[in-house]
N, C-alpha and C. Protein backbone atom coordinates (compact mmCIF):
# COMPACT_ATOMS: atom_id res chain seq x y z
N MET A 1 13.07 -15.14 2.51
CA MET A 1 14.17 -14.60 3.27
C MET A 1 14.77 -13.38 2.58
N VAL A 2 14.90 -13.46 1.27
CA VAL A 2 15.47 -12.34 0.51
C VAL A 2 14.54 -11.12 0.59
N GLN A 3 13.24 -11.37 0.55
CA GLN A 3 12.28 -10.26 0.64
C GLN A 3 12.40 -9.54 1.98
N ALA A 4 12.56 -10.28 3.05
CA ALA A 4 12.70 -9.68 4.38
C ALA A 4 14.00 -8.87 4.47
N PHE A 5 15.07 -9.37 3.88
CA PHE A 5 16.34 -8.66 3.88
C PHE A 5 16.24 -7.36 3.08
N ILE A 6 15.64 -7.41 1.91
CA ILE A 6 15.47 -6.21 1.09
C ILE A 6 14.57 -5.21 1.81
N PHE A 7 13.53 -5.68 2.46
CA PHE A 7 12.64 -4.80 3.22
C PHE A 7 13.40 -4.12 4.36
N ALA A 8 14.23 -4.88 5.08
CA ALA A 8 15.00 -4.32 6.19
C ALA A 8 16.01 -3.28 5.70
N VAL A 9 16.68 -3.55 4.61
CA VAL A 9 17.64 -2.59 4.06
C VAL A 9 16.92 -1.33 3.58
N THR A 10 15.76 -1.49 2.98
CA THR A 10 15.00 -0.34 2.52
C THR A 10 14.54 0.53 3.68
N ILE A 11 14.07 -0.09 4.74
CA ILE A 11 13.65 0.66 5.93
C ILE A 11 14.85 1.40 6.52
N PHE A 12 16.00 0.72 6.61
CA PHE A 12 17.21 1.34 7.16
C PHE A 12 17.64 2.55 6.33
N LEU A 13 17.72 2.38 5.02
CA LEU A 13 18.15 3.48 4.16
C LEU A 13 17.15 4.63 4.18
N GLY A 14 15.87 4.31 4.19
CA GLY A 14 14.85 5.35 4.27
C GLY A 14 14.95 6.13 5.57
N TRP A 15 15.21 5.43 6.66
CA TRP A 15 15.36 6.07 7.97
C TRP A 15 16.56 7.02 7.96
N ILE A 16 17.68 6.56 7.39
CA ILE A 16 18.90 7.38 7.33
C ILE A 16 18.67 8.61 6.44
N ILE A 17 18.05 8.43 5.30
CA ILE A 17 17.78 9.55 4.40
C ILE A 17 16.84 10.54 5.07
N PHE A 18 15.79 10.05 5.70
CA PHE A 18 14.83 10.93 6.38
C PHE A 18 15.51 11.73 7.48
N ASP A 19 16.31 11.07 8.31
CA ASP A 19 17.02 11.78 9.39
C ASP A 19 18.06 12.75 8.84
N GLY A 20 18.71 12.38 7.75
CA GLY A 20 19.68 13.27 7.14
C GLY A 20 19.04 14.55 6.63
N ILE A 21 17.87 14.43 6.05
CA ILE A 21 17.15 15.60 5.56
C ILE A 21 16.59 16.41 6.74
N LYS A 22 16.08 15.71 7.73
CA LYS A 22 15.46 16.37 8.87
C LYS A 22 16.47 17.14 9.72
N HIS A 23 17.63 16.54 10.01
CA HIS A 23 18.61 17.14 10.90
C HIS A 23 19.77 17.81 10.17
N LYS A 24 19.81 17.68 8.86
CA LYS A 24 20.88 18.25 8.02
C LYS A 24 22.25 17.64 8.29
N LYS A 25 22.29 16.55 9.04
CA LYS A 25 23.52 15.80 9.27
C LYS A 25 23.16 14.40 9.73
N ILE A 26 24.11 13.50 9.60
CA ILE A 26 23.87 12.12 10.02
C ILE A 26 24.56 11.91 11.36
N ILE A 27 23.77 11.54 12.35
CA ILE A 27 24.25 11.34 13.72
C ILE A 27 24.35 9.84 13.98
N LYS A 28 25.36 9.44 14.74
CA LYS A 28 25.59 8.03 15.02
C LYS A 28 24.38 7.39 15.70
N GLU A 29 23.73 8.11 16.59
CA GLU A 29 22.57 7.56 17.28
C GLU A 29 21.42 7.29 16.30
N ASN A 30 21.26 8.15 15.31
CA ASN A 30 20.20 7.94 14.32
C ASN A 30 20.51 6.75 13.42
N VAL A 31 21.79 6.52 13.14
CA VAL A 31 22.17 5.34 12.36
C VAL A 31 21.84 4.07 13.13
N PHE A 32 22.16 4.05 14.43
CA PHE A 32 21.84 2.88 15.24
C PHE A 32 20.33 2.68 15.37
N ALA A 33 19.60 3.78 15.51
CA ALA A 33 18.14 3.67 15.59
C ALA A 33 17.58 3.12 14.28
N GLY A 34 18.11 3.58 13.16
CA GLY A 34 17.68 3.07 11.86
C GLY A 34 18.02 1.61 11.69
N LEU A 35 19.19 1.21 12.18
CA LEU A 35 19.60 -0.18 12.09
C LEU A 35 18.69 -1.08 12.92
N ILE A 36 18.39 -0.65 14.13
CA ILE A 36 17.50 -1.43 14.99
C ILE A 36 16.11 -1.52 14.37
N THR A 37 15.63 -0.41 13.83
CA THR A 37 14.31 -0.40 13.19
C THR A 37 14.29 -1.31 11.97
N GLY A 38 15.33 -1.24 11.16
CA GLY A 38 15.40 -2.08 9.96
C GLY A 38 15.45 -3.56 10.29
N VAL A 39 16.26 -3.92 11.27
CA VAL A 39 16.36 -5.33 11.66
C VAL A 39 15.04 -5.82 12.24
N THR A 40 14.42 -5.00 13.07
CA THR A 40 13.12 -5.38 13.65
C THR A 40 12.06 -5.54 12.57
N ALA A 41 12.01 -4.60 11.64
CA ALA A 41 11.02 -4.67 10.56
C ALA A 41 11.27 -5.89 9.68
N GLY A 42 12.54 -6.18 9.38
CA GLY A 42 12.85 -7.36 8.58
C GLY A 42 12.49 -8.65 9.29
N PHE A 43 12.72 -8.70 10.59
CA PHE A 43 12.37 -9.88 11.37
C PHE A 43 10.87 -10.14 11.34
N PHE A 44 10.09 -9.08 11.59
CA PHE A 44 8.64 -9.27 11.59
C PHE A 44 8.10 -9.55 10.20
N TRP A 45 8.72 -8.98 9.19
CA TRP A 45 8.32 -9.29 7.81
C TRP A 45 8.55 -10.77 7.53
N TYR A 46 9.68 -11.30 7.97
CA TYR A 46 9.99 -12.71 7.79
C TYR A 46 9.00 -13.60 8.55
N ILE A 47 8.66 -13.22 9.76
CA ILE A 47 7.68 -13.98 10.55
C ILE A 47 6.33 -13.99 9.84
N LEU A 48 5.90 -12.83 9.35
CA LEU A 48 4.63 -12.78 8.62
C LEU A 48 4.68 -13.61 7.35
N PHE A 49 5.84 -13.64 6.68
CA PHE A 49 5.99 -14.45 5.48
C PHE A 49 5.85 -15.92 5.80
N ILE A 50 6.39 -16.35 6.95
CA ILE A 50 6.30 -17.76 7.34
C ILE A 50 4.85 -18.12 7.71
N ILE A 51 4.18 -17.23 8.42
CA ILE A 51 2.82 -17.53 8.88
C ILE A 51 1.83 -17.58 7.72
N PHE A 52 1.95 -16.64 6.81
CA PHE A 52 1.00 -16.58 5.72
C PHE A 52 1.64 -17.07 4.46
C-alpha cells in the first residue's frame, strides 16, 4: 500500500513539474489532471501488487 501511495505522489509531482516547465506556469486544470493521473496510477499499481 505504501509503495502505491509513493508511486502516485511521484507521478503527481512529476506531472506538475513537467507542466510547470512546459507552460511556464501552473494552471488549476493541470493540477487536477495530475491528481487524477496520480490517483489512477496508484490504484493500478496497488491492483498489480495484489495480483502478483
